[in-house]
């Protein structure tokens, strides 16, 4: 399946735009973040409703209890409900 010249340019522009967004993000200082309702997969199996909280430089807490998630978010200045 051949790609037309205009489709090729659009794909290249999309890659360039994505690369620029990554460059901008990496140039900013690290900030706290949280991942909620994730699926954790490791050697012990699969766990649903998992979460992770980071202070921007390291993982501070992980788990699957909502109350613990709220406390972990508060510890790095995040609102668990946001």
PDB file of N, CA and C in Angstrom:
ATOM      1  N   UNK A   1       0.845  -1.175   0.000  1.00  0.00           N
ATOM      2  CA  UNK A   1       0.000   0.000   0.000  1.00  0.00           C
ATOM      3  C   UNK A   1       0.888   1.234   0.000  1.00  0.00           C
ATOM      4  N   UNK A   2       0.811   2.014  -1.023  1.00  0.00           N
ATOM      5  CA  UNK A   2       1.638   3.205  -1.165  1.00  0.00           C
ATOM      6  C   UNK A   2       1.002   4.379  -0.427  1.00  0.00           C
ATOM      7  N   UNK A   3       1.850   5.212   0.149  1.00  0.00           N
ATOM      8  CA  UNK A   3       1.403   6.415   0.839  1.00  0.00           C
ATOM      9  C   UNK A   3       1.594   7.583  -0.108  1.00  0.00           C
ATOM     10  N   UNK A   4       0.540   8.390  -0.268  1.00  0.00           N
ATOM     11  CA  UNK A   4       0.655   9.544  -1.157  1.00  0.00           C
ATOM     12  C   UNK A   4       1.613  10.564  -0.555  1.00  0.00           C
ATOM     13  N   UNK A   5       2.096  11.462  -1.391  1.00  0.00           N
ATOM     14  CA  UNK A   5       3.045  12.479  -0.925  1.00  0.00           C
ATOM     15  C   UNK A   5       2.422  13.359   0.154  1.00  0.00           C
ATOM     16  N   UNK A   6       1.148  13.745  -0.011  1.00  0.00           N
ATOM     17  CA  UNK A   6       0.499  14.602   0.989  1.00  0.00           C
ATOM     18  C   UNK A   6       0.298  13.857   2.310  1.00  0.00           C
ATOM     19  N   UNK A   7      -0.024  12.552   2.241  1.00  0.00           N
ATOM     20  CA  UNK A   7      -0.155  11.764   3.474  1.00  0.00           C
ATOM     21  C   UNK A   7       1.193  11.642   4.174  1.00  0.00           C
ATOM     22  N   UNK A   8       2.250  11.470   3.384  1.00  0.00           N
ATOM     23  CA  UNK A   8       3.592  11.393   3.956  1.00  0.00           C
ATOM     24  C   UNK A   8       3.978  12.676   4.656  1.00  0.00           C
ATOM     25  N   UNK A   9       3.638  13.823   4.053  1.00  0.00           N
ATOM     26  CA  UNK A   9       3.930  15.113   4.678  1.00  0.00           C
ATOM     27  C   UNK A   9       3.132  15.283   5.963  1.00  0.00           C
ATOM     28  N   UNK A  10       1.852  14.890   5.945  1.00  0.00           N
ATOM     29  CA  UNK A  10       1.032  14.998   7.149  1.00  0.00           C
ATOM     30  C   UNK A  10       1.589  14.136   8.275  1.00  0.00           C
ATOM     31  N   UNK A  11       2.049  12.936   7.951  1.00  0.00           N
ATOM     32  CA  UNK A  11       2.645  12.057   8.961  1.00  0.00           C
ATOM     33  C   UNK A  11       3.921  12.683   9.512  1.00  0.00           C
ATOM     34  N   UNK A  12       4.736  13.250   8.646  1.00  0.00           N
ATOM     35  CA  UNK A  12       5.980  13.889   9.079  1.00  0.00           C
ATOM     36  C   UNK A  12       5.680  15.103   9.954  1.00  0.00           C
ATOM     37  N   UNK A  13       4.694  15.904   9.563  1.00  0.00           N
ATOM     38  CA  UNK A  13       4.312  17.066  10.368  1.00  0.00           C
ATOM     39  C   UNK A  13       3.795  16.620  11.731  1.00  0.00           C
ATOM     40  N   UNK A  14       3.044  15.542  11.766  1.00  0.00           N
ATOM     41  CA  UNK A  14       2.529  15.016  13.020  1.00  0.00           C
ATOM     42  C   UNK A  14       3.672  14.567  13.926  1.00  0.00           C
ATOM     43  N   UNK A  15       4.656  13.882  13.365  1.00  0.00           N
ATOM     44  CA  UNK A  15       5.822  13.440  14.150  1.00  0.00           C
ATOM     45  C   UNK A  15       6.607  14.634  14.673  1.00  0.00           C
ATOM     46  N   UNK A  16       6.780  15.648  13.828  1.00  0.00           N
ATOM     47  CA  UNK A  16       7.510  16.848  14.250  1.00  0.00           C
ATOM     48  C   UNK A  16       6.764  17.572  15.367  1.00  0.00           C
ATOM     49  N   UNK A  17       5.442  17.664  15.249  1.00  0.00           N
ATOM     50  CA  UNK A  17       4.639  18.324  16.278  1.00  0.00           C
ATOM     51  C   UNK A  17       4.755  17.553  17.597  1.00  0.00           C
ATOM     52  N   UNK A  18       4.666  16.224  17.540  1.00  0.00           N
ATOM     53  CA  UNK A  18       4.789  15.404  18.742  1.00  0.00           C
ATOM     54  C   UNK A  18       6.175  15.575  19.368  1.00  0.00           C
ATOM     55  N   UNK A  19       7.226  15.549  18.556  1.00  0.00           N
ATOM     56  CA  UNK A  19       8.594  15.725  19.061  1.00  0.00           C
ATOM     57  C   UNK A  19       8.745  17.086  19.727  1.00  0.00           C
ATOM     58  N   UNK A  20       8.136  18.109  19.158  1.00  0.00           N
ATOM     59  CA  UNK A  20       8.206  19.445  19.747  1.00  0.00           C
ATOM     60  C   UNK A  20       7.490  19.482  21.095  1.00  0.00           C
ATOM     61  N   UNK A  21       6.328  18.837  21.192  1.00  0.00           N
ATOM     62  CA  UNK A  21       5.593  18.790  22.459  1.00  0.00           C
ATOM     63  C   UNK A  21       6.403  18.068  23.537  1.00  0.00           C
ATOM     64  N   UNK A  22       7.098  17.006  23.168  1.00  0.00           N
ATOM     65  CA  UNK A  22       7.952  16.287  24.117  1.00  0.00           C
ATOM     66  C   UNK A  22       9.097  17.182  24.566  1.00  0.00           C
ATOM     67  N   UNK A  23       9.730  17.883  23.631  1.00  0.00           N
ATOM     68  CA  UNK A  23      10.820  18.803  23.977  1.00  0.00           C
ATOM     69  C   UNK A  23      10.353  19.861  24.970  1.00  0.00           C
ATOM     70  N   UNK A  24       9.179  20.438  24.727  1.00  0.00           N
ATOM     71  CA  UNK A  24       8.638  21.468  25.619  1.00  0.00           C
ATOM     72  C   UNK A  24       8.365  20.878  27.000  1.00  0.00           C
ATOM     73  N   UNK A  25       7.770  19.691  27.045  1.00  0.00           N
ATOM     74  CA  UNK A  25       7.459  19.053  28.325  1.00  0.00           C
ATOM     75  C   UNK A  25       8.725  18.746  29.118  1.00  0.00           C
ATOM     76  N   UNK A  26       9.761  18.268  28.439  1.00  0.00           N
ATOM     77  CA  UNK A  26      11.003  17.915  29.134  1.00  0.00           C
ATOM     78  C   UNK A  26      11.772  19.140  29.601  1.00  0.00           C
ATOM     79  N   UNK A  27      11.533  20.285  28.991  1.00  0.00           N
ATOM     80  CA  UNK A  27      12.224  21.513  29.384  1.00  0.00           C
ATOM     81  C   UNK A  27      11.630  22.111  30.656  1.00  0.00           C
ATOM     82  N   UNK A  28      10.421  21.712  31.018  1.00  0.00           N
ATOM     83  CA  UNK A  28       9.771  22.231  32.218  1.00  0.00           C
ATOM     84  C   UNK A  28      10.271  21.481  33.444  1.00  0.00           C
ATOM     85  N   UNK A  29      10.133  22.124  34.593  1.00  0.00           N
ATOM     86  CA  UNK A  29      10.543  21.455  35.825  1.00  0.00           C
ATOM     87  C   UNK A  29       9.546  20.344  36.160  1.00  0.00           C
ATOM     88  N   UNK A  30      10.037  19.336  36.853  1.00  0.00           N
ATOM     89  CA  UNK A  30       9.194  18.193  37.232  1.00  0.00           C
ATOM     90  C   UNK A  30       8.134  18.649  38.221  1.00  0.00           C
ATOM     91  N   UNK A  31       6.938  18.075  38.104  1.00  0.00           N
ATOM     92  CA  UNK A  31       5.827  18.413  38.991  1.00  0.00           C
ATOM     93  C   UNK A  31       5.203  17.131  39.530  1.00  0.00           C
ATOM     94  N   UNK A  32       4.577  17.221  40.684  1.00  0.00           N
ATOM     95  CA  UNK A  32       3.876  16.050  41.212  1.00  0.00           C
ATOM     96  C   UNK A  32       2.775  15.599  40.256  1.00  0.00           C
ATOM     97  N   UNK A  33       2.537  14.283  40.215  1.00  0.00           N
ATOM     98  CA  UNK A  33       1.453  13.746  39.395  1.00  0.00           C
ATOM     99  C   UNK A  33       0.947  12.453  40.014  1.00  0.00           C
ATOM    100  N   UNK A  34      -0.260  12.079  39.603  1.00  0.00           N
ATOM    101  CA  UNK A  34      -0.868  10.846  40.092  1.00  0.00           C
ATOM    102  C   UNK A  34      -1.487  10.099  38.920  1.00  0.00           C
ATOM    103  N   UNK A  35      -1.432   8.786  38.988  1.00  0.00           N
ATOM    104  CA  UNK A  35      -2.098   7.909  38.029  1.00  0.00           C
ATOM    105  C   UNK A  35      -3.097   7.090  38.840  1.00  0.00           C
ATOM    106  N   UNK A  36      -4.360   7.107  38.415  1.00  0.00           N
ATOM    107  CA  UNK A  36      -5.421   6.459  39.183  1.00  0.00           C
ATOM    108  C   UNK A  36      -6.196   5.500  38.287  1.00  0.00           C
ATOM    109  N   UNK A  37      -6.741   4.449  38.863  1.00  0.00           N
ATOM    110  CA  UNK A  37      -7.521   3.441  38.124  1.00  0.00           C
ATOM    111  C   UNK A  37      -6.696   2.752  37.046  1.00  0.00           C
ATOM    112  N   UNK A  38      -5.478   2.418  37.372  1.00  0.00           N
ATOM    113  CA  UNK A  38      -4.584   1.740  36.429  1.00  0.00           C
ATOM    114  C   UNK A  38      -4.635   0.232  36.653  1.00  0.00           C
ATOM    115  N   UNK A  39      -4.119  -0.492  35.704  1.00  0.00           N
ATOM    116  CA  UNK A  39      -3.961  -1.944  35.823  1.00  0.00           C
ATOM    117  C   UNK A  39      -2.481  -2.211  36.057  1.00  0.00           C
ATOM    118  N   UNK A  40      -2.153  -2.828  37.183  1.00  0.00           N
ATOM    119  CA  UNK A  40      -0.761  -3.170  37.495  1.00  0.00           C
ATOM    120  C   UNK A  40      -0.526  -4.626  37.114  1.00  0.00           C
ATOM    121  N   UNK A  41       0.520  -4.857  36.353  1.00  0.00           N
ATOM    122  CA  UNK A  41       0.885  -6.212  35.946  1.00  0.00           C
ATOM    123  C   UNK A  41       2.319  -6.459  36.391  1.00  0.00           C
ATOM    124  N   UNK A  42       2.522  -7.494  37.193  1.00  0.00           N
ATOM    125  CA  UNK A  42       3.872  -7.868  37.606  1.00  0.00           C
ATOM    126  C   UNK A  42       3.943  -9.387  37.755  1.00  0.00           C
ATOM    127  N   UNK A  43       5.022  -9.877  38.329  1.00  0.00           N
ATOM    128  CA  UNK A  43       5.237 -11.320  38.440  1.00  0.00           C
ATOM    129  C   UNK A  43       4.170 -12.004  39.293  1.00  0.00           C
ATOM    130  N   UNK A  44       3.511 -11.240  40.161  1.00  0.00           N
ATOM    131  CA  UNK A  44       2.466 -11.822  41.018  1.00  0.00           C
ATOM    132  C   UNK A  44       1.112 -11.883  40.334  1.00  0.00           C
ATOM    133  N   UNK A  45       0.985 -11.213  39.197  1.00  0.00           N
ATOM    134  CA  UNK A  45      -0.291 -11.232  38.481  1.00  0.00           C
ATOM    135  C   UNK A  45      -0.755  -9.848  38.089  1.00  0.00           C
ATOM    136  N   UNK A  46      -2.065  -9.715  37.971  1.00  0.00           N
ATOM    137  CA  UNK A  46      -2.692  -8.472  37.520  1.00  0.00           C
ATOM    138  C   UNK A  46      -3.541  -7.913  38.655  1.00  0.00           C
ATOM    139  N   UNK A  47      -3.406  -6.626  38.912  1.00  0.00           N
ATOM    140  CA  UNK A  47      -4.220  -5.953  39.927  1.00  0.00           C
ATOM    141  C   UNK A  47      -4.947  -4.783  39.268  1.00  0.00           C
ATOM    142  N   UNK A  48      -6.255  -4.726  39.456  1.00  0.00           N
ATOM    143  CA  UNK A  48      -7.063  -3.628  38.915  1.00  0.00           C
ATOM    144  C   UNK A  48      -7.173  -2.511  39.951  1.00  0.00           C
ATOM    145  N   UNK A  49      -7.658  -1.360  39.512  1.00  0.00           N
ATOM    146  CA  UNK A  49      -7.916  -0.205  40.384  1.00  0.00           C
ATOM    147  C   UNK A  49      -6.659   0.166  41.179  1.00  0.00           C
ATOM    148  N   UNK A  50      -5.526   0.155  40.512  1.00  0.00           N
ATOM    149  CA  UNK A  50      -4.260   0.480  41.152  1.00  0.00           C
ATOM    150  C   UNK A  50      -3.955   1.950  40.942  1.00  0.00           C
ATOM    151  N   UNK A  51      -3.134   2.533  41.790  1.00  0.00           N
ATOM    152  CA  UNK A  51      -2.746   3.928  41.637  1.00  0.00           C
ATOM    153  C   UNK A  51      -1.282   4.125  42.003  1.00  0.00           C
ATOM    154  N   UNK A  52      -0.758   5.276  41.579  1.00  0.00           N
ATOM    155  CA  UNK A  52       0.629   5.655  41.847  1.00  0.00           C
ATOM    156  C   UNK A  52       0.658   7.160  42.049  1.00  0.00           C
ATOM    157  N   UNK A  53       1.450   7.636  43.002  1.00  0.00           N
ATOM    158  CA  UNK A  53       1.627   9.072  43.237  1.00  0.00           C
ATOM    159  C   UNK A  53       3.120   9.367  43.231  1.00  0.00           C
ATOM    160  N   UNK A  54       3.496  10.409  42.489  1.00  0.00           N
ATOM    161  CA  UNK A  54       4.896  10.828  42.393  1.00  0.00           C
ATOM    162  C   UNK A  54       5.019  12.290  42.800  1.00  0.00           C
ATOM    163  N   UNK A  55       6.139  12.626  43.415  1.00  0.00           N
ATOM    164  CA  UNK A  55       6.400  14.030  43.743  1.00  0.00           C
ATOM    165  C   UNK A  55       7.051  14.763  42.572  1.00  0.00           C
ATOM    166  N   UNK A  56       7.203  14.094  41.455  1.00  0.00           N
ATOM    167  CA  UNK A  56       7.816  14.679  40.268  1.00  0.00           C
ATOM    168  C   UNK A  56       9.215  14.163  40.027  1.00  0.00           C
ATOM    169  N   UNK A  57       9.819  13.593  41.067  1.00  0.00           N
ATOM    170  CA  UNK A  57      11.163  13.041  40.893  1.00  0.00           C
ATOM    171  C   UNK A  57      11.249  11.578  41.310  1.00  0.00           C
ATOM    172  N   UNK A  58      10.293  11.121  42.106  1.00  0.00           N
ATOM    173  CA  UNK A  58      10.304   9.727  42.560  1.00  0.00           C
ATOM    174  C   UNK A  58       8.875   9.273  42.849  1.00  0.00           C
ATOM    175  N   UNK A  59       8.651   7.966  42.794  1.00  0.00           N
ATOM    176  CA  UNK A  59       7.362   7.400  43.182  1.00  0.00           C
ATOM    177  C   UNK A  59       7.287   7.446  44.701  1.00  0.00           C
ATOM    178  N   UNK A  60       6.262   8.099  45.212  1.00  0.00           N
ATOM    179  CA  UNK A  60       6.119   8.257  46.653  1.00  0.00           C
ATOM    180  C   UNK A  60       5.223   7.185  47.276  1.00  0.00           C
ATOM    181  N   UNK A  61       4.215   6.732  46.528  1.00  0.00           N
ATOM    182  CA  UNK A  61       3.289   5.741  47.079  1.00  0.00           C
ATOM    183  C   UNK A  61       2.563   5.028  45.947  1.00  0.00           C
ATOM    184  N   UNK A  62       2.174   3.780  46.211  1.00  0.00           N
ATOM    185  CA  UNK A  62       1.350   2.994  45.292  1.00  0.00           C
ATOM    186  C   UNK A  62       0.330   2.234  46.119  1.00  0.00           C
ATOM    187  N   UNK A  63      -0.733   1.809  45.490  1.00  0.00           N
ATOM    188  CA  UNK A  63      -1.715   1.022  46.217  1.00  0.00           C
ATOM    189  C   UNK A  63      -2.997   0.855  45.440  1.00  0.00           C
ATOM    190  N   UNK A  64      -4.051   0.410  46.168  1.00  0.00           N
ATOM    191  CA  UNK A  64      -5.349   0.233  45.527  1.00  0.00           C
ATOM    192  C   UNK A  64      -6.512   0.684  46.401  1.00  0.00           C
ATOM    193  N   UNK A  65      -6.231   1.281  47.554  1.00  0.00           N
ATOM    194  CA  UNK A  65      -7.295   1.798  48.424  1.00  0.00           C
ATOM    195  C   UNK A  65      -7.490   3.287  48.175  1.00  0.00           C
ATOM    196  N   UNK A  66      -8.742   3.718  48.006  1.00  0.00           N
ATOM    197  CA  UNK A  66      -9.045   5.114  47.704  1.00  0.00           C
ATOM    198  C   UNK A  66      -8.606   6.067  48.813  1.00  0.00           C
ATOM    199  N   UNK A  67      -8.798   5.680  50.081  1.00  0.00           N
ATOM    200  CA  UNK A  67      -8.387   6.554  51.180  1.00  0.00           C
ATOM    201  C   UNK A  67      -6.878   6.769  51.175  1.00  0.00           C
ATOM    202  N   UNK A  68      -6.124   5.720  50.891  1.00  0.00           N
ATOM    203  CA  UNK A  68      -4.669   5.849  50.815  1.00  0.00           C
ATOM    204  C   UNK A  68      -4.269   6.739  49.646  1.00  0.00           C
ATOM    205  N   UNK A  69      -4.998   6.649  48.530  1.00  0.00           N
ATOM    206  CA  UNK A  69      -4.717   7.488  47.368  1.00  0.00           C
ATOM    207  C   UNK A  69      -4.903   8.958  47.724  1.00  0.00           C
ATOM    208  N   UNK A  70      -5.988   9.275  48.400  1.00  0.00           N
ATOM    209  CA  UNK A  70      -6.251  10.659  48.786  1.00  0.00           C
ATOM    210  C   UNK A  70      -5.149  11.189  49.698  1.00  0.00           C
ATOM    211  N   UNK A  71      -4.713  10.384  50.652  1.00  0.00           N
ATOM    212  CA  UNK A  71      -3.648  10.806  51.566  1.00  0.00           C
ATOM    213  C   UNK A  71      -2.327  10.977  50.830  1.00  0.00           C
ATOM    214  N   UNK A  72      -2.023  10.068  49.912  1.00  0.00           N
ATOM    215  CA  UNK A  72      -0.778  10.166  49.147  1.00  0.00           C
ATOM    216  C   UNK A  72      -0.783  11.411  48.270  1.00  0.00           C
ATOM    217  N   UNK A  73      -1.923  11.693  47.650  1.00  0.00           N
ATOM    218  CA  UNK A  73      -2.023  12.911  46.832  1.00  0.00           C
ATOM    219  C   UNK A  73      -1.799  14.150  47.690  1.00  0.00           C
ATOM    220  N   UNK A  74      -2.441  14.199  48.835  1.00  0.00           N
ATOM    221  CA  UNK A  74      -2.292  15.350  49.728  1.00  0.00           C
ATOM    222  C   UNK A  74      -0.842  15.538  50.158  1.00  0.00           C
ATOM    223  N   UNK A  75      -0.109  14.440  50.312  1.00  0.00           N
ATOM    224  CA  UNK A  75       1.284  14.536  50.774  1.00  0.00           C
ATOM    225  C   UNK A  75       2.204  15.219  49.770  1.00  0.00           C
ATOM    226  N   UNK A  76       1.789  15.268  48.495  1.00  0.00           N
ATOM    227  CA  UNK A  76       2.607  15.952  47.478  1.00  0.00           C
ATOM    228  C   UNK A  76       1.890  17.185  46.927  1.00  0.00           C
ATOM    229  N   UNK A  77       0.804  17.598  47.605  1.00  0.00           N
ATOM    230  CA  UNK A  77       0.101  18.812  47.210  1.00  0.00           C
ATOM    231  C   UNK A  77      -0.880  18.661  46.068  1.00  0.00           C
ATOM    232  N   UNK A  78      -1.359  17.444  45.831  1.00  0.00           N
ATOM    233  CA  UNK A  78      -2.343  17.209  44.772  1.00  0.00           C
ATOM    234  C   UNK A  78      -3.726  17.004  45.368  1.00  0.00           C
ATOM    235  N   UNK A  79      -4.756  17.348  44.599  1.00  0.00           N
ATOM    236  CA  UNK A  79      -6.142  17.098  44.973  1.00  0.00           C
ATOM    237  C   UNK A  79      -6.557  15.771  44.349  1.00  0.00           C
ATOM    238  N   UNK A  80      -6.887  14.793  45.164  1.00  0.00           N
ATOM    239  CA  UNK A  80      -7.238  13.457  44.664  1.00  0.00           C
ATOM    240  C   UNK A  80      -8.489  13.477  43.802  1.00  0.00           C
ATOM    241  N   UNK A  81      -9.332  14.475  43.954  1.00  0.00           N
ATOM    242  CA  UNK A  81     -10.584  14.543  43.202  1.00  0.00           C
ATOM    243  C   UNK A  81     -10.463  15.339  41.908  1.00  0.00           C
ATOM    244  N   UNK A  82      -9.311  15.925  41.661  1.00  0.00           N
ATOM    245  CA  UNK A  82      -9.144  16.767  40.452  1.00  0.00           C
ATOM    246  C   UNK A  82      -8.987  15.927  39.216  1.00  0.00           C
TER     247      UNK A  82
END
